C-alpha atoms as a PDB file:
ATOM      1  CA  MET A   1      -6.662   0.230  31.964  1.00  0.00           C
ATOM      2  CA  SER A   2      -5.407  -2.421  29.723  1.00  0.00           C
ATOM      3  CA  LYS A   3      -6.882  -6.043  29.922  1.00  0.00           C
ATOM      4  CA  PRO A   4      -5.422  -9.183  28.723  1.00  0.00           C
ATOM      5  CA  VAL A   5      -6.128 -10.214  25.293  1.00  0.00           C
ATOM      6  CA  GLU A   6      -6.802 -13.780  23.919  1.00  0.00           C
ATOM      7  CA  ILE A   7      -3.606 -15.683  22.941  1.00  0.00           C
ATOM      8  CA  GLY A   8      -3.410 -16.091  19.106  1.00  0.00           C
ATOM      9  CA  ARG A   9      -2.120 -14.214  16.170  1.00  0.00           C
ATOM     10  CA  ARG A  10      -4.216 -11.536  14.260  1.00  0.00           C
ATOM     11  CA  VAL A  11      -3.941 -10.292  10.758  1.00  0.00           C
ATOM     12  CA  GLY A  12      -4.473  -6.765   9.471  1.00  0.00           C
ATOM     13  CA  PHE A  13      -5.121  -5.747   5.800  1.00  0.00           C
ATOM     14  CA  ASP A  14      -4.891  -2.353   4.201  1.00  0.00           C
ATOM     15  CA  PHE A  15      -6.821  -2.776   0.880  1.00  0.00           C
ATOM     16  CA  GLY A  16      -5.923  -1.011  -2.278  1.00  0.00           C
ATOM     17  CA  ASP A  17      -6.861  -1.225  -5.774  1.00  0.00           C
ATOM     18  CA  LYS A  18      -3.340  -2.257  -6.757  1.00  0.00           C
ATOM     19  CA  ARG A  19      -1.618  -3.359  -3.560  1.00  0.00           C
ATOM     20  CA  ILE A  20      -2.867  -4.951  -0.149  1.00  0.00           C
ATOM     21  CA  GLY A  21      -0.571  -4.266   2.920  1.00  0.00           C
ATOM     22  CA  VAL A  22      -0.481  -7.086   5.408  1.00  0.00           C
ATOM     23  CA  ALA A  23       0.568  -7.114   8.872  1.00  0.00           C
ATOM     24  CA  THR A  24       0.487  -9.603  11.724  1.00  0.00           C
ATOM     25  CA  SER A  25       0.772  -9.807  15.344  1.00  0.00           C
ATOM     26  CA  ASP A  26       2.630 -12.296  17.616  1.00  0.00           C
ATOM     27  CA  ARG A  27       0.616 -14.876  19.676  1.00  0.00           C
ATOM     28  CA  GLU A  28       0.575 -12.604  22.763  1.00  0.00           C
ATOM     29  CA  SER A  29      -0.317  -9.570  20.581  1.00  0.00           C
ATOM     30  CA  ILE A  30       2.641  -7.687  22.058  1.00  0.00           C
ATOM     31  CA  LEU A  31       4.211  -6.940  18.535  1.00  0.00           C
ATOM     32  CA  VAL A  32       2.698  -5.951  15.268  1.00  0.00           C
ATOM     33  CA  SER A  33       4.897  -6.513  12.261  1.00  0.00           C
ATOM     34  CA  PRO A  34       4.862  -5.923   8.589  1.00  0.00           C
ATOM     35  CA  HIS A  35       4.228  -9.222   6.902  1.00  0.00           C
ATOM     36  CA  ALA A  36       3.772  -8.529   3.064  1.00  0.00           C
ATOM     37  CA  THR A  37       2.591  -6.253   0.350  1.00  0.00           C
ATOM     38  CA  ILE A  38       0.636  -8.331  -1.960  1.00  0.00           C
ATOM     39  CA  LEU A  39      -0.672  -7.506  -5.534  1.00  0.00           C
ATOM     40  CA  ASN A  40      -4.429  -7.151  -5.979  1.00  0.00           C
ATOM     41  CA  ASN A  41      -4.593  -9.361  -9.198  1.00  0.00           C
ATOM     42  CA  GLU A  42      -5.634 -12.806 -10.249  1.00  0.00           C
ATOM     43  CA  LYS A  43      -3.537 -14.502  -7.667  1.00  0.00           C
ATOM     44  CA  LEU A  44      -5.094 -12.713  -4.835  1.00  0.00           C
ATOM     45  CA  VAL A  45      -6.948 -15.581  -3.403  1.00  0.00           C
ATOM     46  CA  ASP A  46      -3.946 -17.929  -3.460  1.00  0.00           C
ATOM     47  CA  LYS A  47      -1.913 -15.239  -1.615  1.00  0.00           C
ATOM     48  CA  LEU A  48      -4.680 -14.835   0.932  1.00  0.00           C
ATOM     49  CA  LEU A  49      -4.985 -18.540   1.516  1.00  0.00           C
ATOM     50  CA  GLU A  50      -1.151 -18.707   1.985  1.00  0.00           C
ATOM     51  CA  ILE A  51      -1.299 -15.923   4.519  1.00  0.00           C
ATOM     52  CA  ILE A  52      -4.298 -17.373   6.464  1.00  0.00           C
ATOM     53  CA  ASN A  53      -2.880 -20.825   6.478  1.00  0.00           C
ATOM     54  CA  GLU A  54       0.632 -19.726   7.627  1.00  0.00           C
ATOM     55  CA  VAL A  55      -0.568 -17.274  10.361  1.00  0.00           C
ATOM     56  CA  LYS A  56      -3.663 -19.164  11.449  1.00  0.00           C
ATOM     57  CA  PRO A  57      -5.174 -15.951  12.918  1.00  0.00           C
ATOM     58  CA  ILE A  58      -7.915 -15.828  15.681  1.00  0.00           C
ATOM     59  CA  TYR A  59      -9.345 -12.918  13.703  1.00  0.00           C
ATOM     60  CA  VAL A  60      -8.804 -10.598  10.818  1.00  0.00           C
ATOM     61  CA  VAL A  61      -9.145  -6.825  10.492  1.00  0.00           C
ATOM     62  CA  VAL A  62      -9.581  -4.808   7.405  1.00  0.00           C
ATOM     63  CA  GLY A  63      -9.236  -1.132   7.227  1.00  0.00           C
ATOM     64  CA  ASP A  64     -12.319   0.870   6.478  1.00  0.00           C
ATOM     65  CA  PRO A  65     -11.696   4.012   4.522  1.00  0.00           C
ATOM     66  CA  LYS A  66     -14.421   6.288   5.832  1.00  0.00           C
ATOM     67  CA  HIS A  67     -14.584  10.095   4.996  1.00  0.00           C
ATOM     68  CA  LEU A  68     -13.483  12.289   7.720  1.00  0.00           C
ATOM     69  CA  SER A  69     -17.161  12.940   8.431  1.00  0.00           C
ATOM     70  CA  GLY A  70     -17.504   9.166   9.363  1.00  0.00           C
ATOM     71  CA  ASP A  71     -19.543   8.321   6.255  1.00  0.00           C
ATOM     72  CA  ALA A  72     -18.773   5.506   4.093  1.00  0.00           C
ATOM     73  CA  SER A  73     -16.597   6.215   1.119  1.00  0.00           C
ATOM     74  CA  VAL A  74     -16.897   4.864  -2.417  1.00  0.00           C
ATOM     75  CA  LYS A  75     -13.747   2.740  -1.472  1.00  0.00           C
ATOM     76  CA  SER A  76     -15.674   1.338   1.376  1.00  0.00           C
ATOM     77  CA  LEU A  77     -17.682  -0.606  -1.255  1.00  0.00           C
ATOM     78  CA  ASP A  78     -14.454  -2.193  -2.641  1.00  0.00           C
ATOM     79  CA  VAL A  79     -13.245  -2.876   1.081  1.00  0.00           C
ATOM     80  CA  ALA A  80     -16.537  -4.605   1.646  1.00  0.00           C
ATOM     81  CA  GLU A  81     -16.157  -6.905  -1.321  1.00  0.00           C
ATOM     82  CA  PHE A  82     -12.710  -7.699  -0.214  1.00  0.00           C
ATOM     83  CA  ALA A  83     -13.913  -8.618   3.189  1.00  0.00           C
ATOM     84  CA  ILE A  84     -16.555 -10.940   1.501  1.00  0.00           C
ATOM     85  CA  LEU A  85     -13.848 -12.663  -0.439  1.00  0.00           C
ATOM     86  CA  LEU A  86     -11.802 -13.138   2.921  1.00  0.00           C
ATOM     87  CA  LYS A  87     -14.815 -14.645   4.531  1.00  0.00           C
ATOM     88  CA  SER A  88     -14.921 -17.331   1.794  1.00  0.00           C
ATOM     89  CA  ILE A  89     -11.490 -18.516   2.863  1.00  0.00           C
ATOM     90  CA  PHE A  90     -11.487 -17.544   6.503  1.00  0.00           C
ATOM     91  CA  LYS A  91     -14.228 -18.801   8.840  1.00  0.00           C
ATOM     92  CA  GLY A  92     -13.203 -16.689  11.968  1.00  0.00           C
ATOM     93  CA  PRO A  93     -14.248 -13.177  12.719  1.00  0.00           C
ATOM     94  CA  ILE A  94     -13.679 -10.326  10.399  1.00  0.00           C
ATOM     95  CA  TYR A  95     -13.756  -6.759  11.567  1.00  0.00           C
ATOM     96  CA  PHE A  96     -13.733  -3.511   9.882  1.00  0.00           C
ATOM     97  CA  VAL A  97     -11.514  -0.966  11.509  1.00  0.00           C
ATOM     98  CA  ASP A  98     -11.647   2.780  10.899  1.00  0.00           C
ATOM     99  CA  GLU A  99      -8.632   3.741   9.047  1.00  0.00           C
ATOM    100  CA  ARG A 100      -9.153   7.451   8.534  1.00  0.00           C
ATOM    101  CA  LEU A 101      -5.848   9.208   8.210  1.00  0.00           C
ATOM    102  CA  THR A 102      -3.835   5.903   8.268  1.00  0.00           C
ATOM    103  CA  THR A 103      -1.995   6.416   5.118  1.00  0.00           C
ATOM    104  CA  ILE A 104      -1.361  10.120   6.012  1.00  0.00           C
ATOM    105  CA  ASN A 105      -0.035   8.949   9.425  1.00  0.00           C
ATOM    106  CA  SER A 106       2.131   6.307   7.944  1.00  0.00           C
ATOM    107  CA  TYR A 107       3.871   8.670   5.503  1.00  0.00           C
ATOM    108  CA  ALA A 108       4.490  10.940   8.430  1.00  0.00           C
ATOM    109  CA  GLN A 109       6.097   7.981  10.386  1.00  0.00           C
ATOM    110  CA  MET A 110       8.312   7.250   7.311  1.00  0.00           C
ATOM    111  CA  ARG A 111       9.301  10.977   7.124  1.00  0.00           C
ATOM    112  CA  GLN A 112      10.169  10.991  10.861  1.00  0.00           C
ATOM    113  CA  ILE A 113      12.776   8.223  10.210  1.00  0.00           C
ATOM    114  CA  GLY A 114      14.190  10.046   7.018  1.00  0.00           C
ATOM    115  CA  LYS A 115      12.417   8.322   4.265  1.00  0.00           C
ATOM    116  CA  SER A 116      10.781  10.168   1.350  1.00  0.00           C
ATOM    117  CA  GLU A 117       7.470   9.342   0.084  1.00  0.00           C
ATOM    118  CA  ARG A 118       9.134   7.792  -3.032  1.00  0.00           C
ATOM    119  CA  GLU A 119      11.505   5.634  -0.746  1.00  0.00           C
ATOM    120  CA  SER A 120       8.353   4.567   1.379  1.00  0.00           C
ATOM    121  CA  ARG A 121       6.095   3.564  -1.490  1.00  0.00           C
ATOM    122  CA  HIS A 122       7.006  -0.062  -1.380  1.00  0.00           C
ATOM    123  CA  ILE A 123       6.336  -0.449   2.368  1.00  0.00           C
ATOM    124  CA  ILE A 124       3.762   2.135   2.939  1.00  0.00           C
ATOM    125  CA  ASP A 125       0.865  -0.271   2.589  1.00  0.00           C
ATOM    126  CA  GLN A 126       2.392  -2.617   5.319  1.00  0.00           C
ATOM    127  CA  ILE A 127       2.877   0.308   7.608  1.00  0.00           C
ATOM    128  CA  SER A 128      -0.858   1.287   7.054  1.00  0.00           C
ATOM    129  CA  ALA A 129      -1.673  -2.361   7.915  1.00  0.00           C
ATOM    130  CA  ILE A 130       0.350  -2.079  11.064  1.00  0.00           C
ATOM    131  CA  ASN A 131      -1.664   0.974  12.267  1.00  0.00           C
ATOM    132  CA  ILE A 132      -4.847  -0.711  11.443  1.00  0.00           C
ATOM    133  CA  LEU A 133      -4.181  -3.914  13.463  1.00  0.00           C
ATOM    134  CA  GLU A 134      -2.601  -1.879  16.339  1.00  0.00           C
ATOM    135  CA  SER A 135      -5.989   0.123  16.515  1.00  0.00           C
ATOM    136  CA  ALA A 136      -7.916  -3.099  16.744  1.00  0.00           C
ATOM    137  CA  LEU A 137      -5.556  -4.255  19.440  1.00  0.00           C
ATOM    138  CA  LEU A 138      -5.958  -1.104  21.437  1.00  0.00           C
ATOM    139  CA  ASN A 139      -9.707  -1.265  21.252  1.00  0.00           C
ATOM    140  CA  GLU A 140      -9.438  -5.080  22.419  1.00  0.00           C
ATOM    141  CA  ARG A 141      -7.222  -4.380  25.370  1.00  0.00           C
ATOM    142  CA  SER A 142      -9.546  -1.475  26.418  1.00  0.00           C
ATOM    143  CA  GLY A 143     -12.547  -3.676  26.278  1.00  0.00           C
ATOM    144  CA  ALA A 144     -14.094  -1.679  23.431  1.00  0.00           C
ATOM    145  CA  ALA A 145     -15.361  -3.231  20.280  1.00  0.00           C
ATOM    146  CA  ILE A 146     -12.531  -4.394  18.021  1.00  0.00           C
ATOM    147  CA  GLY A 147     -14.220  -3.020  15.131  1.00  0.00           C
ATOM    148  CA  ARG A 148     -17.453  -3.468  13.129  1.00  0.00           C
ATOM    149  CA  LEU A 149     -18.031  -7.190  12.520  1.00  0.00           C
ATOM    150  CA  LEU A 150     -18.617  -8.423   9.010  1.00  0.00           C
END
């Protein structure tokens, strides 16, 4: 059974070495939409500040790339560093959400609408961020933990 969620927007991030997908919810958390794909470069902090200041989220979720076994991956360390960077500019809660198979599922979704992997490349990070944020919202609505708190 679904329970009401707190009013306010949320932001989801799919961290990558080169690109970071960003998704946002509406205030009622009914819709999750692609927001941006930002480059993971020297302007990252500025872009993150811009997003946080624009959206004013009540919380942020970051995909945690675990192995299928559930163990932390090498990439999990990079994601943890990214979350620490986020914590320096966002004072609200930051949750890690399991993102196993997110990218694979995102490509499958794109194939279902007739897009090839090549055609999907420029938005796949946003689609993955949508899936991460939607997972967090499902957890929140069900009364489960949103994710692992930073």
